[in-house]
N, C-alpha and C. Protein backbone atom coordinates (compact mmCIF):
# COMPACT_ATOMS: atom_id res chain seq x y z
N UNK A 1 10.31 -5.59 2.89
CA UNK A 1 11.32 -4.79 3.34
C UNK A 1 10.46 -3.79 3.43
N UNK A 2 11.00 -2.19 3.99
CA UNK A 2 10.14 -1.07 4.01
C UNK A 2 11.10 -0.36 2.55
N UNK A 3 10.93 0.98 1.89
CA UNK A 3 11.16 1.66 1.31
C UNK A 3 13.11 1.52 1.40
N UNK A 4 13.47 2.05 2.18
CA UNK A 4 14.36 2.08 3.15
C UNK A 4 15.25 0.78 2.79
N UNK A 5 14.61 0.36 3.52
CA UNK A 5 15.79 -1.30 3.71
C UNK A 5 15.76 -1.46 2.13
N UNK A 6 14.74 -1.41 1.01
CA UNK A 6 15.04 -1.53 -0.25
C UNK A 6 15.72 -0.87 -1.40
N UNK A 7 15.95 0.30 -0.62
CA UNK A 7 16.84 0.80 -1.27
C UNK A 7 18.38 1.15 -0.62
N UNK A 8 18.14 0.84 -0.10
CA UNK A 8 19.60 0.20 0.93
C UNK A 8 20.20 -0.54 0.07
N UNK A 9 19.15 -2.10 -0.13
CA UNK A 9 19.91 -3.37 -0.05
C UNK A 9 20.27 -2.84 -1.67
N UNK A 10 19.32 -1.91 -2.40
CA UNK A 10 19.94 -1.78 -4.01
C UNK A 10 21.44 -1.72 -4.20
N UNK A 11 21.60 -0.63 -2.50
CA UNK A 11 22.81 0.51 -3.04
C UNK A 11 23.85 -0.84 -2.10
N UNK A 12 23.87 -1.46 -1.84
CA UNK A 12 24.60 -2.66 -1.29
C UNK A 12 25.05 -3.68 -1.87
N UNK A 13 23.34 -4.42 -3.01
CA UNK A 13 23.88 -5.35 -3.75
C UNK A 13 23.71 -5.57 -5.09
N UNK A 14 23.04 -4.07 -5.41
CA UNK A 14 22.86 -4.12 -6.80
C UNK A 14 20.90 -4.73 -7.24
N UNK A 15 20.93 -4.47 -8.17
CA UNK A 15 19.71 -4.95 -8.60
C UNK A 15 19.72 -6.36 -8.51
N UNK A 16 18.91 -7.35 -7.68
CA UNK A 16 19.14 -8.97 -7.40
C UNK A 16 17.66 -9.77 -7.77
N UNK A 17 17.21 -10.46 -8.92
CA UNK A 17 16.23 -10.45 -9.45
C UNK A 17 15.35 -11.38 -8.99
N UNK A 18 16.01 -12.30 -7.80
CA UNK A 18 15.88 -13.46 -6.71
C UNK A 18 14.75 -12.49 -5.95
N UNK A 19 15.49 -11.15 -5.73
CA UNK A 19 14.81 -9.80 -4.49
C UNK A 19 13.37 -9.09 -4.68
N UNK A 20 13.58 -9.35 -5.88
CA UNK A 20 12.08 -8.66 -6.89
C UNK A 20 10.81 -8.93 -5.97
N UNK A 21 10.33 -9.64 -4.92
CA UNK A 21 9.14 -9.87 -4.04
C UNK A 21 9.68 -8.33 -3.11
N UNK A 22 10.80 -8.81 -2.78
CA UNK A 22 11.05 -8.12 -1.42
C UNK A 22 10.81 -6.82 -1.83
N UNK A 23 11.37 -6.67 -3.25
CA UNK A 23 11.69 -4.90 -2.86
C UNK A 23 10.31 -4.24 -3.86
N UNK A 24 9.47 -5.68 -4.29
CA UNK A 24 8.01 -4.48 -4.70
C UNK A 24 7.10 -5.56 -4.35
N UNK A 25 6.53 -5.90 -2.66
CA UNK A 25 5.69 -6.65 -2.27
C UNK A 25 4.36 -6.27 -3.14
N UNK A 26 3.44 -7.37 -3.23
CA UNK A 26 2.08 -7.77 -4.19
C UNK A 26 1.74 -6.95 -3.59
N UNK A 27 1.23 -5.72 -3.71
CA UNK A 27 -0.51 -5.30 -3.33
C UNK A 27 0.29 -3.71 -2.27
N UNK A 28 1.74 -4.02 -1.93
CA UNK A 28 2.00 -2.91 -0.50
C UNK A 28 2.09 -1.83 -1.00
N UNK A 29 0.83 -0.86 -0.76
CA UNK A 29 1.06 0.42 -1.09
C UNK A 29 1.42 1.36 -0.29
N UNK A 30 2.09 1.18 0.35
CA UNK A 30 2.59 1.48 1.58
C UNK A 30 3.88 3.29 1.22
N UNK A 31 4.24 2.01 -0.15
CA UNK A 31 5.48 3.27 -0.67
C UNK A 31 5.11 4.24 -1.21
N UNK A 32 3.42 4.61 -1.28
CA UNK A 32 2.64 6.07 -1.92
C UNK A 32 3.41 5.92 -3.35
N UNK A 33 2.96 7.32 -4.41
CA UNK A 33 3.78 7.35 -4.99
C UNK A 33 5.00 7.73 -5.47
N UNK A 34 5.51 8.79 -4.57
CA UNK A 34 6.63 9.24 -4.77
C UNK A 34 7.91 8.21 -3.99
N UNK A 35 7.78 7.07 -2.93
CA UNK A 35 8.64 6.49 -2.79
C UNK A 35 8.71 5.58 -4.17
N UNK A 36 7.60 4.97 -4.58
CA UNK A 36 7.48 3.91 -5.65
C UNK A 36 8.46 4.70 -6.41
N UNK A 37 7.83 5.20 -7.42
CA UNK A 37 8.83 5.90 -8.02
C UNK A 37 10.46 5.98 -8.17
N UNK A 38 10.45 6.40 -7.08
CA UNK A 38 12.34 6.65 -6.67
C UNK A 38 12.64 4.99 -7.03
N UNK A 39 12.20 3.69 -6.66
CA UNK A 39 13.08 2.71 -6.09
C UNK A 39 12.81 2.25 -7.51
N UNK A 40 11.62 2.90 -8.24
CA UNK A 40 11.80 2.24 -9.74
C UNK A 40 13.10 2.23 -9.77
N UNK A 41 12.60 3.38 -10.52
CA UNK A 41 13.81 4.53 -10.93
C UNK A 41 15.25 3.70 -10.78
N UNK A 42 15.52 3.77 -9.20
CA UNK A 42 16.98 3.39 -8.57
C UNK A 42 16.96 1.77 -9.29
N UNK A 43 16.19 0.50 -9.50
CA UNK A 43 16.46 -0.56 -9.53
C UNK A 43 16.78 -0.35 -11.39
N UNK A 44 16.23 0.19 -11.57
CA UNK A 44 16.16 0.62 -13.62
C UNK A 44 17.50 1.33 -13.20
N UNK A 45 18.12 2.14 -12.64
CA UNK A 45 19.53 2.48 -13.09
C UNK A 45 20.44 1.70 -12.62
N UNK A 46 20.64 0.34 -12.27
CA UNK A 46 21.16 -0.62 -12.06
C UNK A 46 20.95 -2.28 -12.96
N UNK A 47 20.10 -2.04 -13.58
CA UNK A 47 19.84 -2.35 -14.86
C UNK A 47 20.40 -1.92 -16.14
N UNK A 48 21.47 -2.32 -16.46
CA UNK A 48 21.77 -1.23 -18.08
C UNK A 48 21.77 -2.01 -19.35
N UNK A 49 20.97 -2.55 -18.83
CA UNK A 49 20.31 -3.65 -20.62
C UNK A 49 19.09 -3.53 -20.74
N UNK A 50 18.43 -2.09 -22.06
CA UNK A 50 17.20 -1.35 -21.76
C UNK A 50 15.99 -3.06 -22.18
N UNK A 51 16.40 -4.22 -22.12
CA UNK A 51 15.61 -5.35 -22.57
C UNK A 51 15.39 -5.78 -20.83
N UNK A 52 16.38 -5.82 -20.05
CA UNK A 52 16.12 -6.25 -18.77
C UNK A 52 15.51 -5.01 -18.01
N UNK A 53 15.60 -3.79 -18.54
CA UNK A 53 14.99 -2.78 -17.86
C UNK A 53 12.90 -2.73 -18.18
N UNK A 54 13.14 -3.41 -19.47
CA UNK A 54 11.71 -3.39 -19.77
C UNK A 54 10.91 -4.93 -19.43
N UNK A 55 11.47 -5.70 -18.91
CA UNK A 55 11.32 -6.74 -18.15
C UNK A 55 10.34 -6.77 -17.03
N UNK A 56 11.28 -5.10 -16.35
CA UNK A 56 10.88 -5.13 -15.17
C UNK A 56 9.84 -4.24 -14.65
N UNK A 57 10.14 -3.61 -15.81
CA UNK A 57 8.25 -2.53 -15.37
C UNK A 57 7.39 -3.51 -16.05
N UNK A 58 7.15 -4.71 -16.94
CA UNK A 58 6.20 -5.46 -17.47
C UNK A 58 5.82 -5.95 -15.96
N UNK A 59 7.04 -6.57 -15.45
CA UNK A 59 6.13 -7.54 -14.78
C UNK A 59 5.33 -6.15 -13.65
N UNK A 60 6.40 -5.12 -13.04
CA UNK A 60 4.86 -4.19 -12.10
C UNK A 60 4.07 -4.32 -13.10
N UNK A 61 4.14 -3.48 -13.97
CA UNK A 61 2.99 -3.54 -14.36
C UNK A 61 1.47 -4.70 -14.47
N UNK A 62 2.30 -6.10 -14.61
CA UNK A 62 1.23 -6.74 -14.63
C UNK A 62 0.72 -7.56 -13.02
N UNK A 63 1.89 -7.28 -12.03
CA UNK A 63 1.61 -7.06 -10.61
C UNK A 63 0.67 -6.32 -10.22
N UNK A 64 0.86 -5.13 -10.40
CA UNK A 64 0.07 -3.78 -10.46
C UNK A 64 -1.63 -4.09 -10.89
N UNK A 65 -1.25 -3.98 -12.08
CA UNK A 65 -2.94 -4.54 -12.72
C UNK A 65 -3.98 -5.93 -12.00
N UNK A 66 -3.10 -6.91 -11.68
CA UNK A 66 -3.97 -7.96 -10.94
C UNK A 66 -4.11 -7.41 -9.70
N UNK A 67 -3.30 -6.50 -8.86
CA UNK A 67 -4.10 -6.06 -7.35
C UNK A 67 -4.94 -4.96 -8.11
N UNK A 68 -5.10 -4.12 -8.83
CA UNK A 68 -5.47 -3.23 -9.16
C UNK A 68 -7.15 -3.76 -9.53
N UNK A 69 -7.13 -4.69 -10.24
CA UNK A 69 -8.38 -5.57 -10.44
C UNK A 69 -8.93 -6.16 -9.05
N UNK A 70 -8.19 -6.45 -8.42
CA UNK A 70 -8.56 -7.15 -7.22
C UNK A 70 -9.73 -5.79 -6.07
N UNK A 71 -9.08 -5.12 -6.13
CA UNK A 71 -9.44 -3.47 -5.50
C UNK A 71 -10.82 -3.41 -6.30
N UNK A 72 -10.89 -3.36 -7.30
CA UNK A 72 -12.23 -2.79 -8.07
C UNK A 72 -13.29 -4.32 -8.34
N UNK A 73 -12.83 -5.36 -8.46
CA UNK A 73 -13.77 -6.25 -7.42
C UNK A 73 -14.31 -6.94 -6.30
N UNK A 74 -13.71 -6.21 -5.51
CA UNK A 74 -14.05 -6.08 -3.87
C UNK A 74 -14.79 -4.96 -3.22
N UNK A 75 -14.44 -3.94 -4.34
CA UNK A 75 -15.37 -2.66 -4.55
C UNK A 75 -16.35 -3.37 -4.77
N UNK A 76 -16.89 -3.59 -6.39
CA UNK A 76 -17.94 -3.68 -6.41
C UNK A 76 -19.08 -5.07 -5.70
N UNK A 77 -17.96 -6.21 -5.18
CA UNK A 77 -18.56 -7.27 -4.48
C UNK A 77 -19.19 -6.84 -2.59
N UNK A 78 -18.67 -5.67 -2.72
CA UNK A 78 -18.46 -5.49 -1.34
C UNK A 78 -18.22 -3.44 -1.34
N UNK A 79 -19.44 -2.69 -1.55
CA UNK A 79 -19.25 -1.10 -1.36
C UNK A 79 -19.01 -0.13 0.21
N UNK A 80 -19.02 -1.46 0.81
CA UNK A 80 -18.74 -0.72 1.99
C UNK A 80 -17.20 -0.95 2.26
N UNK A 81 -16.35 -1.88 1.59
CA UNK A 81 -14.84 -1.82 1.47
C UNK A 81 -14.35 -0.60 0.91
N UNK A 82 -13.89 0.11 1.66
CA UNK A 82 -13.23 1.29 1.09
C UNK A 82 -11.79 1.52 1.25
N UNK A 83 -11.48 0.62 -0.58
CA UNK A 83 -10.14 0.39 -0.55
C UNK A 83 -9.56 1.52 -1.97
N UNK A 84 -10.78 2.39 -2.33
CA UNK A 84 -10.30 3.07 -3.12
C UNK A 84 -9.30 4.16 -3.70
N UNK A 85 -8.95 4.30 -2.10
CA UNK A 85 -7.53 4.88 -1.85
C UNK A 85 -6.71 4.18 -2.55
N UNK A 86 -6.40 3.06 -2.73
CA UNK A 86 -5.33 1.61 -2.90
C UNK A 86 -5.33 2.08 -4.69
N UNK A 87 -6.83 1.84 -5.25
CA UNK A 87 -6.79 2.07 -6.40
C UNK A 87 -6.15 3.10 -7.69
N UNK A 88 -6.16 4.31 -6.40
CA UNK A 88 -5.91 5.52 -7.23
C UNK A 88 -4.45 5.15 -6.87
N UNK A 89 -3.82 4.62 -5.75
CA UNK A 89 -2.39 4.51 -6.19
C UNK A 89 -1.88 3.73 -6.97
N UNK A 90 -2.32 2.87 -6.76
CA UNK A 90 -2.01 1.57 -8.56
C UNK A 90 -2.26 2.33 -9.66
N UNK A 91 -3.13 2.88 -9.75
CA UNK A 91 -3.45 3.44 -11.19
C UNK A 91 -2.52 4.50 -11.56
N UNK A 92 -1.65 5.49 -10.87
CA UNK A 92 -0.77 6.14 -10.64
C UNK A 92 0.81 5.57 -10.43
N UNK A 93 0.67 4.44 -10.18
CA UNK A 93 2.26 3.29 -10.36
C UNK A 93 2.29 3.05 -11.57
N UNK A 94 0.95 2.39 -12.15
CA UNK A 94 0.68 2.19 -13.91
C UNK A 94 1.19 3.55 -15.15
N UNK A 95 0.53 4.89 -14.28
CA UNK A 95 1.06 5.98 -14.90
C UNK A 95 2.55 5.59 -14.91
N UNK A 96 3.33 6.24 -14.05
CA UNK A 96 4.68 6.28 -13.09
C UNK A 96 5.49 5.68 -14.33
N UNK A 97 5.20 4.01 -14.21
CA UNK A 97 6.04 2.95 -15.34
C UNK A 97 5.71 3.30 -16.58
N UNK A 98 4.74 4.67 -17.29
CA UNK A 98 4.54 4.42 -18.59
C UNK A 98 4.90 5.66 -18.64
N UNK A 99 5.70 6.57 -17.77
CA UNK A 99 6.34 7.47 -17.70
C UNK A 99 7.61 7.24 -17.87
N UNK A 100 7.98 6.30 -16.99
CA UNK A 100 9.78 6.20 -16.81
C UNK A 100 9.86 5.26 -18.28
N UNK A 101 8.96 4.65 -19.17
CA UNK A 101 9.21 3.98 -20.29
C UNK A 101 9.43 4.74 -21.06
N UNK A 102 8.65 5.80 -21.20
CA UNK A 102 8.44 7.07 -22.37
C UNK A 102 9.83 7.63 -21.91
N UNK A 103 10.64 7.90 -20.79
CA UNK A 103 11.60 8.47 -20.94
C UNK A 103 13.15 7.86 -20.60
N UNK A 104 12.74 6.82 -20.44
CA UNK A 104 14.03 5.68 -21.24
C UNK A 104 14.53 4.83 -22.92
N UNK A 105 13.04 5.41 -23.63
CA UNK A 105 12.86 4.98 -25.09
C UNK A 105 12.29 3.76 -25.47
N UNK A 106 11.62 3.55 -24.04
CA UNK A 106 10.74 1.78 -23.95
C UNK A 106 10.04 1.77 -24.97
N UNK A 107 9.95 1.11 -25.46
CA UNK A 107 8.16 0.30 -26.47
C UNK A 107 7.26 0.93 -25.22
N UNK A 108 6.65 1.60 -25.93
CA UNK A 108 5.27 2.03 -24.75
C UNK A 108 4.29 1.32 -24.74
N UNK A 109 3.46 1.18 -23.59
CA UNK A 109 3.01 -0.31 -22.86
C UNK A 109 1.52 1.01 -21.59
N UNK A 110 0.31 1.30 -22.37
CA UNK A 110 0.14 1.84 -21.60
C UNK A 110 -1.11 1.31 -20.93
N UNK A 111 -0.87 0.28 -19.81
CA UNK A 111 -1.00 -0.41 -19.54
C UNK A 111 -2.79 0.49 -18.06
N UNK A 112 -2.50 1.67 -17.74
CA UNK A 112 -3.36 2.64 -17.09
C UNK A 112 -4.29 2.60 -17.85
N UNK A 113 -4.13 2.89 -19.09
CA UNK A 113 -5.41 3.23 -20.13
C UNK A 113 -6.12 1.90 -20.66
N UNK A 114 -5.17 0.82 -20.65
CA UNK A 114 -6.14 -0.54 -20.51
C UNK A 114 -6.89 -0.95 -19.37
N UNK A 115 -6.49 -0.85 -18.55
CA UNK A 115 -7.15 -1.18 -17.54
C UNK A 115 -8.55 -0.04 -17.26
N UNK A 116 -8.47 1.39 -17.73
CA UNK A 116 -9.69 1.66 -17.44
C UNK A 116 -10.40 1.43 -18.65
N UNK A 117 -9.60 0.87 -19.61
CA UNK A 117 -10.81 0.61 -21.21
C UNK A 117 -11.51 -1.14 -20.56
N UNK A 118 -11.68 -1.43 -19.46
CA UNK A 118 -11.95 -3.23 -19.36
C UNK A 118 -13.58 -2.69 -19.45
N UNK A 119 -13.55 -3.01 -19.75
CA UNK A 119 -15.49 -2.91 -20.04
C UNK A 119 -15.59 -3.86 -18.33
N UNK A 120 -16.90 -2.85 -18.03
CA UNK A 120 -17.36 -3.81 -16.79
C UNK A 120 -17.70 -5.11 -16.26
N UNK A 121 -17.67 -6.08 -15.49
CA UNK A 121 -17.97 -7.48 -15.82
C UNK A 121 -16.70 -8.58 -16.86
N UNK A 122 -15.80 -7.98 -17.49
CA UNK A 122 -14.58 -8.34 -18.22
C UNK A 122 -13.59 -8.39 -17.37
N UNK A 123 -12.99 -9.66 -17.45
CA UNK A 123 -11.81 -9.84 -16.28
C UNK A 123 -10.46 -9.55 -17.01
N UNK A 124 -9.15 -9.66 -16.34
CA UNK A 124 -7.72 -9.58 -17.16
C UNK A 124 -7.67 -11.22 -17.14
N UNK A 125 -7.71 -12.08 -17.17
CA UNK A 125 -8.08 -13.70 -17.20
C UNK A 125 -9.05 -13.73 -18.71
N UNK A 126 -10.01 -12.34 -18.76
CA UNK A 126 -10.77 -12.96 -19.86
C UNK A 126 -10.10 -12.39 -20.97
N UNK A 127 -8.83 -11.60 -21.27
CA UNK A 127 -8.02 -11.16 -22.17
C UNK A 127 -7.25 -12.00 -22.40
N UNK A 128 -6.43 -12.73 -21.11
CA UNK A 128 -5.53 -13.58 -21.62
C UNK A 128 -5.95 -14.67 -22.56
N UNK A 129 -6.92 -15.14 -22.12
CA UNK A 129 -8.01 -16.32 -23.10
C UNK A 129 -9.38 -16.60 -22.48
N UNK A 130 -10.44 -16.86 -23.64
CA UNK A 130 -11.53 -16.77 -23.21
C UNK A 130 -11.94 -17.61 -22.28
N UNK A 131 -12.64 -17.65 -21.48
CA UNK A 131 -13.52 -18.28 -20.15
C UNK A 131 -13.99 -19.72 -21.13
N UNK A 132 -13.95 -21.07 -20.83
CA UNK A 132 -13.99 -21.69 -20.93
C UNK A 132 -15.31 -22.08 -20.58
N UNK A 133 -16.53 -23.19 -20.97
CA UNK A 133 -17.74 -23.38 -20.60
C UNK A 133 -17.65 -24.87 -19.86
N UNK A 134 -19.08 -25.40 -20.49
CA UNK A 134 -19.18 -26.57 -20.04
C UNK A 134 -18.65 -27.06 -21.35
N UNK A 135 -18.10 -28.61 -20.72
CA UNK A 135 -17.75 -29.48 -21.91
C UNK A 135 -16.64 -28.40 -22.82
N UNK A 136 -15.99 -28.28 -21.82
CA UNK A 136 -14.77 -27.33 -22.68
C UNK A 136 -14.58 -26.96 -23.88
N UNK A 137 -16.00 -26.50 -23.88
CA UNK A 137 -16.42 -25.05 -24.76
C UNK A 137 -15.94 -23.64 -24.84
N UNK A 138 -15.09 -22.88 -25.42
CA UNK A 138 -14.76 -21.90 -25.52
C UNK A 138 -16.04 -20.73 -24.67
N UNK A 139 -16.61 -20.01 -24.59
CA UNK A 139 -17.39 -19.29 -24.74
C UNK A 139 -17.20 -18.15 -25.30
N UNK A 140 -17.97 -17.41 -25.87
CA UNK A 140 -18.07 -16.38 -26.24
C UNK A 140 -17.48 -14.33 -25.96
N UNK A 141 -16.98 -14.48 -26.20
CA UNK A 141 -16.39 -12.32 -24.84
C UNK A 141 -18.18 -12.12 -25.79
N UNK A 142 -18.90 -11.29 -24.68
CA UNK A 142 -19.57 -10.26 -24.64
C UNK A 142 -19.26 -8.91 -25.17
C-alpha cells in the first residue's frame, strides 16, 4: 500500500494489526518524513489504549532500527552504495516516534540516540545476546 491507500484503509476499517506490514512495509522510505508522521499519528488515534499505542511505536522502532543498521552495514561494506539518504530518513522516523511518545505521555525510548551510540563493529544482535563462539561459548563483547 502507498500512503494514500494506507490512510484510506485506516479510515475505512480502523487500525487492523494484521495489516501492519501493509501500512508500514519494512524499509520502504517512500513515505518520507511528513507522510510517515501523519500515518503513524492516524494509526495511533485509532488505538485508544496507551499500551497498544506503545506496542505500535515499539514495532515501528524495531523495524526502523533493523533497516537503519542494514543501510549502515551496506555503506561500510560497499562505500559506492549510495543509500545515505535512506539512513537520514530512517533516523528521522526514530526521532518522530520519540517525539510522538513524548506528546502522548508514553514511556520515553530514544532509539535514535541508541542507534547513534552503537560503537563501530557492534551489531543490534550483539545487544540482544552476545555472540556465541566455538564450542558454544559466549564471546566477550569488546
